[in-house]
C-alpha atoms as a PDB file:
ATOM      1  CA  GLU A   1      88.563  88.774 102.336  1.00  0.00           C
ATOM      2  CA  GLY A   2      88.802  91.608  99.878  1.00  0.00           C
ATOM      3  CA  LEU A   3      91.045  93.444  97.376  1.00  0.00           C
ATOM      4  CA  ALA A   4      94.119  95.821  98.820  1.00  0.00           C
ATOM      5  CA  ARG A   5      95.851  98.262  96.779  1.00  0.00           C
ATOM      6  CA  ILE A   6      98.917  98.918  99.002  1.00  0.00           C
ATOM      7  CA  LEU A   7     100.512 101.661  99.459  1.00  0.00           C
ATOM      8  CA  SER A   8     103.794 100.835 101.479  1.00  0.00           C
ATOM      9  CA  THR A   9     105.574  97.562 102.817  1.00  0.00           C
ATOM     10  CA  SER A  10     103.677  97.524 106.035  1.00  0.00           C
ATOM     11  CA  PRO A  11     100.989  95.448 106.795  1.00  0.00           C
ATOM     12  CA  ILE A  12      97.341  95.818 106.725  1.00  0.00           C
ATOM     13  CA  ILE A  13      96.106  96.388 110.102  1.00  0.00           C
ATOM     14  CA  ILE A  14      92.577  95.289 110.842  1.00  0.00           C
ATOM     15  CA  GLU A  15      90.999  95.944 114.230  1.00  0.00           C
ATOM     16  CA  CYS A  16      87.556  95.890 115.832  1.00  0.00           C
ATOM     17  CA  ILE A  17      87.438  98.232 118.481  1.00  0.00           C
ATOM     18  CA  ASP A  18      84.385  98.900 121.097  1.00  0.00           C
ATOM     19  CA  SER A  19      82.589 101.711 122.021  1.00  0.00           C
ATOM     20  CA  GLU A  20      85.103 102.539 124.891  1.00  0.00           C
ATOM     21  CA  GLY A  21      87.885 102.232 122.813  1.00  0.00           C
ATOM     22  CA  ASN A  22      89.284  99.038 123.748  1.00  0.00           C
ATOM     23  CA  ILE A  23      90.720  96.816 120.791  1.00  0.00           C
ATOM     24  CA  VAL A  24      88.444  93.443 121.100  1.00  0.00           C
ATOM     25  CA  GLY A  25      89.620  91.773 117.988  1.00  0.00           C
ATOM     26  CA  ASP A  26      92.799  92.373 115.479  1.00  0.00           C
ATOM     27  CA  ALA A  27      94.894  91.088 112.747  1.00  0.00           C
ATOM     28  CA  GLN A  28      97.455  91.809 110.589  1.00  0.00           C
ATOM     29  CA  ILE A  29      97.791  91.077 107.211  1.00  0.00           C
ATOM     30  CA  ASN A  30     101.230  91.052 105.022  1.00  0.00           C
ATOM     31  CA  VAL A  31     100.174  91.628 101.345  1.00  0.00           C
ATOM     32  CA  GLU A  32     102.605  91.225  98.462  1.00  0.00           C
ATOM     33  CA  ALA A  33     103.073  94.342  96.486  1.00  0.00           C
ATOM     34  CA  PRO A  34     101.513  94.690  93.183  1.00  0.00           C
ATOM     35  CA  ASN A  35     102.525  93.383  90.115  1.00  0.00           C
ATOM     36  CA  GLN A  36     102.047  93.945  86.208  1.00  0.00           C
ATOM     37  CA  ILE A  37      99.225  91.684  86.317  1.00  0.00           C
ATOM     38  CA  LEU A  38      97.191  92.800  89.222  1.00  0.00           C
ATOM     39  CA  SER A  39      96.793  96.533  90.791  1.00  0.00           C
ATOM     40  CA  HIS A  40      94.803  95.078  93.549  1.00  0.00           C
ATOM     41  CA  ILE A  41      96.088  92.306  95.650  1.00  0.00           C
ATOM     42  CA  PRO A  42      93.437  89.705  97.305  1.00  0.00           C
ATOM     43  CA  PHE A  43      93.725  89.037 101.066  1.00  0.00           C
ATOM     44  CA  GLU A  44      91.773  87.368 103.465  1.00  0.00           C
ATOM     45  CA  ALA A  45      91.676  87.788 107.123  1.00  0.00           C
ATOM     46  CA  PHE A  46      90.303  85.956 110.577  1.00  0.00           C
ATOM     47  CA  ILE A  47      89.811  88.033 113.451  1.00  0.00           C
ATOM     48  CA  PRO A  48      89.253  86.049 116.535  1.00  0.00           C
ATOM     49  CA  TYR A  49      87.603  88.211 119.275  1.00  0.00           C
ATOM     50  CA  SER A  50      86.162  88.133 122.497  1.00  0.00           C
ATOM     51  CA  VAL A  51      82.731  89.744 123.747  1.00  0.00           C
ATOM     52  CA  GLU A  52      80.493  88.657 127.054  1.00  0.00           C
ATOM     53  CA  ALA A  53      77.464  90.213 125.493  1.00  0.00           C
ATOM     54  CA  SER A  54      76.187  91.750 121.869  1.00  0.00           C
ATOM     55  CA  THR A  55      78.436  94.747 121.410  1.00  0.00           C
ATOM     56  CA  ASN A  56      78.885  97.207 119.042  1.00  0.00           C
ATOM     57  CA  VAL A  57      81.888  97.335 117.221  1.00  0.00           C
ATOM     58  CA  ARG A  58      83.762  99.804 115.192  1.00  0.00           C
ATOM     59  CA  ILE A  59      85.986  97.403 112.646  1.00  0.00           C
ATOM     60  CA  THR A  60      89.116  99.568 111.046  1.00  0.00           C
ATOM     61  CA  VAL A  61      91.393  98.329 108.199  1.00  0.00           C
ATOM     62  CA  ARG A  62      94.306 100.505 107.779  1.00  0.00           C
ATOM     63  CA  GLN A  63      97.809 100.780 106.358  1.00  0.00           C
ATOM     64  CA  ASP A  64     100.840 102.872 108.213  1.00  0.00           C
ATOM     65  CA  SER A  65     103.483 104.603 106.435  1.00  0.00           C
ATOM     66  CA  ASP A  66     106.862 102.737 106.382  1.00  0.00           C
ATOM     67  CA  SER A  67     108.419 106.128 105.064  1.00  0.00           C
ATOM     68  CA  ARG A  68     110.411 108.717 107.233  1.00  0.00           C
ATOM     69  CA  LEU A  69     106.914 110.776 107.232  1.00  0.00           C
ATOM     70  CA  PRO A  70     105.161 108.157 110.176  1.00  0.00           C
ATOM     71  CA  GLY A  71     101.106 108.451 109.922  1.00  0.00           C
ATOM     72  CA  THR A  72      98.061 106.300 108.355  1.00  0.00           C
ATOM     73  CA  LEU A  73      98.044 106.157 104.450  1.00  0.00           C
ATOM     74  CA  TYR A  74      95.085 104.702 104.428  1.00  0.00           C
ATOM     75  CA  LEU A  75      91.796 104.110 106.829  1.00  0.00           C
ATOM     76  CA  PHE A  76      88.370 102.586 106.175  1.00  0.00           C
ATOM     77  CA  SER A  77      85.849 102.033 109.053  1.00  0.00           C
ATOM     78  CA  PHE A  78      82.103 100.512 109.370  1.00  0.00           C
ATOM     79  CA  GLU A  79      80.036  99.561 112.182  1.00  0.00           C
ATOM     80  CA  VAL A  80      79.188  95.959 112.966  1.00  0.00           C
ATOM     81  CA  THR A  81      77.677  93.770 116.311  1.00  0.00           C
ATOM     82  CA  LEU A  82      79.240  90.936 117.491  1.00  0.00           C
ATOM     83  CA  GLU A  83      77.787  88.272 119.279  1.00  0.00           C
ATOM     84  CA  PRO A  84      79.787  86.278 122.252  1.00  0.00           C
END
């Protein structure tokens, strides 16, 4: 769970990526646009994953552009260890 200051109408994408580049879990969250009361919108995600052994993964949180200029507008990542 966290707070998001969204930059487009695209969903927030959360992925768990192993050392070989495989996505072992992911989620997409649609967050409403900020309003006059809140500049950051609360969100919560449950990310189902599947690993057979203790696995180091990088969790990435990103939001892509929804305009004519494609690409990532925001990216944050950190490492964790997942257990079966």
